[in-house]
């Protein structure tokens, strides 16, 4: 948690909304460093398949998120 501590020392002010937003941004920045997002591309064998719709793609993404 030292990464978060380093980024939170700059959080100053008396506006609660501003403090919350700065804190969230610091946490997200730390998470991006530790576990960056990966872009996953659809395998070529699934491209241009009529049955592989947007709904199925969303369900696959949901399944993958739940699995993690």
PDB file of N, CA and C in Angstrom:
ATOM      1  N   UNK A   1       0.802  -1.190   0.000  1.00  0.00           N
ATOM      2  CA  UNK A   1       0.000   0.000   0.000  1.00  0.00           C
ATOM      3  C   UNK A   1       0.853   1.265   0.000  1.00  0.00           C
ATOM      4  N   UNK A   2       2.153   1.110  -0.072  1.00  0.00           N
ATOM      5  CA  UNK A   2       3.015   2.282  -0.096  1.00  0.00           C
ATOM      6  C   UNK A   2       2.776   3.116  -1.349  1.00  0.00           C
ATOM      7  N   UNK A   3       2.403   2.451  -2.448  1.00  0.00           N
ATOM      8  CA  UNK A   3       2.134   3.190  -3.689  1.00  0.00           C
ATOM      9  C   UNK A   3       0.984   4.155  -3.478  1.00  0.00           C
ATOM     10  N   UNK A   4      -0.083   3.664  -2.845  1.00  0.00           N
ATOM     11  CA  UNK A   4      -1.244   4.521  -2.598  1.00  0.00           C
ATOM     12  C   UNK A   4      -0.875   5.640  -1.641  1.00  0.00           C
ATOM     13  N   UNK A   5      -0.115   5.334  -0.592  1.00  0.00           N
ATOM     14  CA  UNK A   5       0.303   6.354   0.356  1.00  0.00           C
ATOM     15  C   UNK A   5       1.082   7.465  -0.336  1.00  0.00           C
ATOM     16  N   UNK A   6       1.936   7.095  -1.279  1.00  0.00           N
ATOM     17  CA  UNK A   6       2.733   8.096  -1.992  1.00  0.00           C
ATOM     18  C   UNK A   6       1.860   9.020  -2.818  1.00  0.00           C
ATOM     19  N   UNK A   7       0.799   8.489  -3.380  1.00  0.00           N
ATOM     20  CA  UNK A   7      -0.070   9.311  -4.213  1.00  0.00           C
ATOM     21  C   UNK A   7      -1.105  10.078  -3.401  1.00  0.00           C
ATOM     22  N   UNK A   8      -1.399   9.654  -2.189  1.00  0.00           N
ATOM     23  CA  UNK A   8      -2.413  10.333  -1.390  1.00  0.00           C
ATOM     24  C   UNK A   8      -1.861  11.510  -0.595  1.00  0.00           C
ATOM     25  N   UNK A   9      -0.571  11.657  -0.501  1.00  0.00           N
ATOM     26  CA  UNK A   9      -0.033  12.772   0.265  1.00  0.00           C
ATOM     27  C   UNK A   9      -0.351  14.115  -0.381  1.00  0.00           C
ATOM     28  N   UNK A  10      -0.697  14.130  -1.656  1.00  0.00           N
ATOM     29  CA  UNK A  10      -1.027  15.377  -2.340  1.00  0.00           C
ATOM     30  C   UNK A  10      -2.507  15.720  -2.226  1.00  0.00           C
ATOM     31  N   UNK A  11      -3.292  14.865  -1.563  1.00  0.00           N
ATOM     32  CA  UNK A  11      -4.719  15.108  -1.418  1.00  0.00           C
ATOM     33  C   UNK A  11      -4.919  16.122  -0.310  1.00  0.00           C
ATOM     34  N   UNK A  12      -5.282  17.323  -0.712  1.00  0.00           N
ATOM     35  CA  UNK A  12      -5.492  18.409   0.243  1.00  0.00           C
ATOM     36  C   UNK A  12      -6.751  19.157  -0.132  1.00  0.00           C
ATOM     37  N   UNK A  13      -7.271  19.877   0.797  1.00  0.00           N
ATOM     38  CA  UNK A  13      -8.430  20.710   0.528  1.00  0.00           C
ATOM     39  C   UNK A  13      -9.551  20.424   1.497  1.00  0.00           C
ATOM     40  N   UNK A  14     -10.594  21.229   1.382  1.00  0.00           N
ATOM     41  CA  UNK A  14     -11.700  21.065   2.310  1.00  0.00           C
ATOM     42  C   UNK A  14     -12.991  20.658   1.601  1.00  0.00           C
ATOM     43  N   UNK A  15     -12.971  20.518   0.303  1.00  0.00           N
ATOM     44  CA  UNK A  15     -14.138  20.089  -0.454  1.00  0.00           C
ATOM     45  C   UNK A  15     -14.159  18.565  -0.471  1.00  0.00           C
ATOM     46  N   UNK A  16     -15.200  17.987   0.116  1.00  0.00           N
ATOM     47  CA  UNK A  16     -15.274  16.530   0.241  1.00  0.00           C
ATOM     48  C   UNK A  16     -15.296  15.867  -1.132  1.00  0.00           C
ATOM     49  N   UNK A  17     -16.061  16.401  -2.063  1.00  0.00           N
ATOM     50  CA  UNK A  17     -16.130  15.814  -3.409  1.00  0.00           C
ATOM     51  C   UNK A  17     -14.767  15.824  -4.079  1.00  0.00           C
ATOM     52  N   UNK A  18     -14.038  16.902  -3.916  1.00  0.00           N
ATOM     53  CA  UNK A  18     -12.706  17.002  -4.506  1.00  0.00           C
ATOM     54  C   UNK A  18     -11.757  15.983  -3.871  1.00  0.00           C
ATOM     55  N   UNK A  19     -11.832  15.840  -2.551  1.00  0.00           N
ATOM     56  CA  UNK A  19     -10.980  14.869  -1.861  1.00  0.00           C
ATOM     57  C   UNK A  19     -11.283  13.443  -2.303  1.00  0.00           C
ATOM     58  N   UNK A  20     -12.572  13.135  -2.450  1.00  0.00           N
ATOM     59  CA  UNK A  20     -12.964  11.790  -2.885  1.00  0.00           C
ATOM     60  C   UNK A  20     -12.460  11.527  -4.297  1.00  0.00           C
ATOM     61  N   UNK A  21     -12.658  12.467  -5.196  1.00  0.00           N
ATOM     62  CA  UNK A  21     -12.216  12.285  -6.583  1.00  0.00           C
ATOM     63  C   UNK A  21     -10.701  12.117  -6.672  1.00  0.00           C
ATOM     64  N   UNK A  22      -9.961  12.910  -5.926  1.00  0.00           N
ATOM     65  CA  UNK A  22      -8.503  12.784  -5.927  1.00  0.00           C
ATOM     66  C   UNK A  22      -8.068  11.437  -5.353  1.00  0.00           C
ATOM     67  N   UNK A  23      -8.744  10.985  -4.300  1.00  0.00           N
ATOM     68  CA  UNK A  23      -8.413   9.693  -3.704  1.00  0.00           C
ATOM     69  C   UNK A  23      -8.689   8.553  -4.672  1.00  0.00           C
ATOM     70  N   UNK A  24      -9.852   8.591  -5.310  1.00  0.00           N
ATOM     71  CA  UNK A  24     -10.197   7.546  -6.277  1.00  0.00           C
ATOM     72  C   UNK A  24      -9.208   7.527  -7.429  1.00  0.00           C
ATOM     73  N   UNK A  25      -8.853   8.694  -7.937  1.00  0.00           N
ATOM     74  CA  UNK A  25      -7.891   8.768  -9.040  1.00  0.00           C
ATOM     75  C   UNK A  25      -6.530   8.202  -8.622  1.00  0.00           C
ATOM     76  N   UNK A  26      -6.119   8.459  -7.383  1.00  0.00           N
ATOM     77  CA  UNK A  26      -4.840   7.931  -6.910  1.00  0.00           C
ATOM     78  C   UNK A  26      -4.893   6.417  -6.816  1.00  0.00           C
ATOM     79  N   UNK A  27      -5.997   5.872  -6.336  1.00  0.00           N
ATOM     80  CA  UNK A  27      -6.132   4.418  -6.215  1.00  0.00           C
ATOM     81  C   UNK A  27      -6.160   3.769  -7.591  1.00  0.00           C
ATOM     82  N   UNK A  28      -6.919   4.364  -8.522  1.00  0.00           N
ATOM     83  CA  UNK A  28      -6.996   3.811  -9.878  1.00  0.00           C
ATOM     84  C   UNK A  28      -5.628   3.851 -10.547  1.00  0.00           C
ATOM     85  N   UNK A  29      -4.892   4.931 -10.346  1.00  0.00           N
ATOM     86  CA  UNK A  29      -3.545   5.034 -10.926  1.00  0.00           C
ATOM     87  C   UNK A  29      -2.640   3.926 -10.391  1.00  0.00           C
ATOM     88  N   UNK A  30      -2.743   3.655  -9.101  1.00  0.00           N
ATOM     89  CA  UNK A  30      -1.941   2.582  -8.504  1.00  0.00           C
ATOM     90  C   UNK A  30      -2.350   1.226  -9.051  1.00  0.00           C
ATOM     91  N   UNK A  31      -3.645   1.002  -9.183  1.00  0.00           N
ATOM     92  CA  UNK A  31      -4.117  -0.263  -9.724  1.00  0.00           C
ATOM     93  C   UNK A  31      -3.665  -0.454 -11.166  1.00  0.00           C
ATOM     94  N   UNK A  32      -3.656   0.627 -11.944  1.00  0.00           N
ATOM     95  CA  UNK A  32      -3.196   0.535 -13.329  1.00  0.00           C
ATOM     96  C   UNK A  32      -1.716   0.157 -13.402  1.00  0.00           C
ATOM     97  N   UNK A  33      -0.942   0.586 -12.425  1.00  0.00           N
ATOM     98  CA  UNK A  33       0.475   0.222 -12.402  1.00  0.00           C
ATOM     99  C   UNK A  33       0.665  -1.237 -12.007  1.00  0.00           C
ATOM    100  N   UNK A  34      -0.117  -1.695 -11.049  1.00  0.00           N
ATOM    101  CA  UNK A  34       0.040  -3.050 -10.532  1.00  0.00           C
ATOM    102  C   UNK A  34      -0.609  -4.078 -11.455  1.00  0.00           C
ATOM    103  N   UNK A  35      -1.803  -3.759 -11.944  1.00  0.00           N
ATOM    104  CA  UNK A  35      -2.557  -4.693 -12.786  1.00  0.00           C
ATOM    105  C   UNK A  35      -3.176  -3.926 -13.948  1.00  0.00           C
ATOM    106  N   UNK A  36      -2.377  -3.613 -14.965  1.00  0.00           N
ATOM    107  CA  UNK A  36      -2.908  -2.836 -16.086  1.00  0.00           C
ATOM    108  C   UNK A  36      -3.961  -3.606 -16.873  1.00  0.00           C
ATOM    109  N   UNK A  37      -4.855  -2.856 -17.481  1.00  0.00           N
ATOM    110  CA  UNK A  37      -5.879  -3.481 -18.311  1.00  0.00           C
ATOM    111  C   UNK A  37      -5.250  -4.037 -19.575  1.00  0.00           C
ATOM    112  N   UNK A  38      -5.803  -5.134 -20.034  1.00  0.00           N
ATOM    113  CA  UNK A  38      -5.320  -5.734 -21.270  1.00  0.00           C
ATOM    114  C   UNK A  38      -6.428  -5.665 -22.298  1.00  0.00           C
ATOM    115  N   UNK A  39      -6.049  -5.380 -23.512  1.00  0.00           N
ATOM    116  CA  UNK A  39      -7.014  -5.394 -24.591  1.00  0.00           C
ATOM    117  C   UNK A  39      -6.979  -6.779 -25.224  1.00  0.00           C
ATOM    118  N   UNK A  40      -8.124  -7.405 -25.281  1.00  0.00           N
ATOM    119  CA  UNK A  40      -8.217  -8.746 -25.833  1.00  0.00           C
ATOM    120  C   UNK A  40      -8.949  -8.662 -27.165  1.00  0.00           C
ATOM    121  N   UNK A  41      -8.355  -9.243 -28.181  1.00  0.00           N
ATOM    122  CA  UNK A  41      -8.984  -9.235 -29.490  1.00  0.00           C
ATOM    123  C   UNK A  41      -9.668 -10.563 -29.750  1.00  0.00           C
ATOM    124  N   UNK A  42     -10.692 -10.503 -30.531  1.00  0.00           N
ATOM    125  CA  UNK A  42     -11.456 -11.688 -30.874  1.00  0.00           C
ATOM    126  C   UNK A  42     -10.637 -12.557 -31.825  1.00  0.00           C
ATOM    127  N   UNK A  43     -10.593 -13.819 -31.527  1.00  0.00           N
ATOM    128  CA  UNK A  43      -9.838 -14.728 -32.374  1.00  0.00           C
ATOM    129  C   UNK A  43     -10.408 -14.704 -33.793  1.00  0.00           C
ATOM    130  N   UNK A  44      -9.536 -14.889 -34.763  1.00  0.00           N
ATOM    131  CA  UNK A  44      -9.956 -14.800 -36.163  1.00  0.00           C
ATOM    132  C   UNK A  44     -11.013 -15.844 -36.518  1.00  0.00           C
ATOM    133  N   UNK A  45     -11.009 -16.966 -35.831  1.00  0.00           N
ATOM    134  CA  UNK A  45     -11.988 -17.993 -36.179  1.00  0.00           C
ATOM    135  C   UNK A  45     -13.416 -17.573 -35.809  1.00  0.00           C
ATOM    136  N   UNK A  46     -13.568 -16.564 -34.901  1.00  0.00           N
ATOM    137  CA  UNK A  46     -14.897 -16.101 -34.515  1.00  0.00           C
ATOM    138  C   UNK A  46     -15.330 -14.860 -35.291  1.00  0.00           C
ATOM    139  N   UNK A  47     -14.440 -14.223 -35.970  1.00  0.00           N
ATOM    140  CA  UNK A  47     -14.799 -13.030 -36.735  1.00  0.00           C
ATOM    141  C   UNK A  47     -15.695 -13.398 -37.909  1.00  0.00           C
ATOM    142  N   UNK A  48     -16.570 -12.491 -38.232  1.00  0.00           N
ATOM    143  CA  UNK A  48     -17.472 -12.632 -39.383  1.00  0.00           C
ATOM    144  C   UNK A  48     -18.398 -13.838 -39.276  1.00  0.00           C
ATOM    145  N   UNK A  49     -18.658 -14.297 -38.070  1.00  0.00           N
ATOM    146  CA  UNK A  49     -19.628 -15.369 -37.878  1.00  0.00           C
ATOM    147  C   UNK A  49     -20.970 -14.722 -37.550  1.00  0.00           C
ATOM    148  N   UNK A  50     -21.996 -15.069 -38.280  1.00  0.00           N
ATOM    149  CA  UNK A  50     -23.291 -14.451 -38.084  1.00  0.00           C
ATOM    150  C   UNK A  50     -23.857 -14.726 -36.693  1.00  0.00           C
ATOM    151  N   UNK A  51     -23.624 -15.887 -36.153  1.00  0.00           N
ATOM    152  CA  UNK A  51     -24.204 -16.250 -34.877  1.00  0.00           C
ATOM    153  C   UNK A  51     -23.482 -15.610 -33.699  1.00  0.00           C
ATOM    154  N   UNK A  52     -22.262 -15.115 -33.906  1.00  0.00           N
ATOM    155  CA  UNK A  52     -21.509 -14.481 -32.821  1.00  0.00           C
ATOM    156  C   UNK A  52     -21.894 -13.011 -32.767  1.00  0.00           C
ATOM    157  N   UNK A  53     -22.979 -12.737 -32.078  1.00  0.00           N
ATOM    158  CA  UNK A  53     -23.539 -11.391 -32.036  1.00  0.00           C
ATOM    159  C   UNK A  53     -22.920 -10.566 -30.914  1.00  0.00           C
ATOM    160  N   UNK A  54     -23.337  -9.319 -30.847  1.00  0.00           N
ATOM    161  CA  UNK A  54     -22.891  -8.413 -29.792  1.00  0.00           C
ATOM    162  C   UNK A  54     -23.343  -8.923 -28.419  1.00  0.00           C
ATOM    163  N   UNK A  55     -24.524  -9.483 -28.354  1.00  0.00           N
ATOM    164  CA  UNK A  55     -25.038 -10.021 -27.091  1.00  0.00           C
ATOM    165  C   UNK A  55     -24.162 -11.171 -26.605  1.00  0.00           C
ATOM    166  N   UNK A  56     -23.772 -12.042 -27.501  1.00  0.00           N
ATOM    167  CA  UNK A  56     -22.906 -13.160 -27.123  1.00  0.00           C
ATOM    168  C   UNK A  56     -21.549 -12.641 -26.673  1.00  0.00           C
ATOM    169  N   UNK A  57     -21.035 -11.643 -27.352  1.00  0.00           N
ATOM    170  CA  UNK A  57     -19.746 -11.059 -26.964  1.00  0.00           C
ATOM    171  C   UNK A  57     -19.831 -10.474 -25.559  1.00  0.00           C
ATOM    172  N   UNK A  58     -20.925  -9.785 -25.260  1.00  0.00           N
ATOM    173  CA  UNK A  58     -21.100  -9.219 -23.925  1.00  0.00           C
ATOM    174  C   UNK A  58     -21.204 -10.318 -22.869  1.00  0.00           C
ATOM    175  N   UNK A  59     -21.882 -11.391 -23.191  1.00  0.00           N
ATOM    176  CA  UNK A  59     -22.008 -12.501 -22.251  1.00  0.00           C
ATOM    177  C   UNK A  59     -20.648 -13.180 -22.016  1.00  0.00           C
ATOM    178  N   UNK A  60     -19.851 -13.279 -23.057  1.00  0.00           N
ATOM    179  CA  UNK A  60     -18.504 -13.840 -22.914  1.00  0.00           C
ATOM    180  C   UNK A  60     -17.672 -12.947 -21.997  1.00  0.00           C
ATOM    181  N   UNK A  61     -17.767 -11.641 -22.185  1.00  0.00           N
ATOM    182  CA  UNK A  61     -17.035 -10.710 -21.328  1.00  0.00           C
ATOM    183  C   UNK A  61     -17.500 -10.814 -19.882  1.00  0.00           C
ATOM    184  N   UNK A  62     -18.808 -10.911 -19.671  1.00  0.00           N
ATOM    185  CA  UNK A  62     -19.352 -11.060 -18.329  1.00  0.00           C
ATOM    186  C   UNK A  62     -18.852 -12.348 -17.683  1.00  0.00           C
ATOM    187  N   UNK A  63     -18.871 -13.439 -18.432  1.00  0.00           N
ATOM    188  CA  UNK A  63     -18.362 -14.712 -17.937  1.00  0.00           C
ATOM    189  C   UNK A  63     -16.901 -14.586 -17.512  1.00  0.00           C
ATOM    190  N   UNK A  64     -16.105 -13.919 -18.340  1.00  0.00           N
ATOM    191  CA  UNK A  64     -14.685 -13.778 -18.045  1.00  0.00           C
ATOM    192  C   UNK A  64     -14.470 -12.926 -16.800  1.00  0.00           C
ATOM    193  N   UNK A  65     -15.265 -11.866 -16.627  1.00  0.00           N
ATOM    194  CA  UNK A  65     -15.137 -11.004 -15.439  1.00  0.00           C
ATOM    195  C   UNK A  65     -15.497 -11.783 -14.182  1.00  0.00           C
ATOM    196  N   UNK A  66     -16.544 -12.573 -14.250  1.00  0.00           N
ATOM    197  CA  UNK A  66     -16.978 -13.343 -13.093  1.00  0.00           C
ATOM    198  C   UNK A  66     -15.938 -14.399 -12.739  1.00  0.00           C
ATOM    199  N   UNK A  67     -15.334 -14.989 -13.744  1.00  0.00           N
ATOM    200  CA  UNK A  67     -14.332 -16.032 -13.540  1.00  0.00           C
ATOM    201  C   UNK A  67     -13.120 -15.501 -12.783  1.00  0.00           C
ATOM    202  N   UNK A  68     -12.757 -14.238 -13.078  1.00  0.00           N
ATOM    203  CA  UNK A  68     -11.578 -13.656 -12.413  1.00  0.00           C
ATOM    204  C   UNK A  68     -11.910 -13.441 -10.980  1.00  0.00           C
TER     205      UNK A  68
END
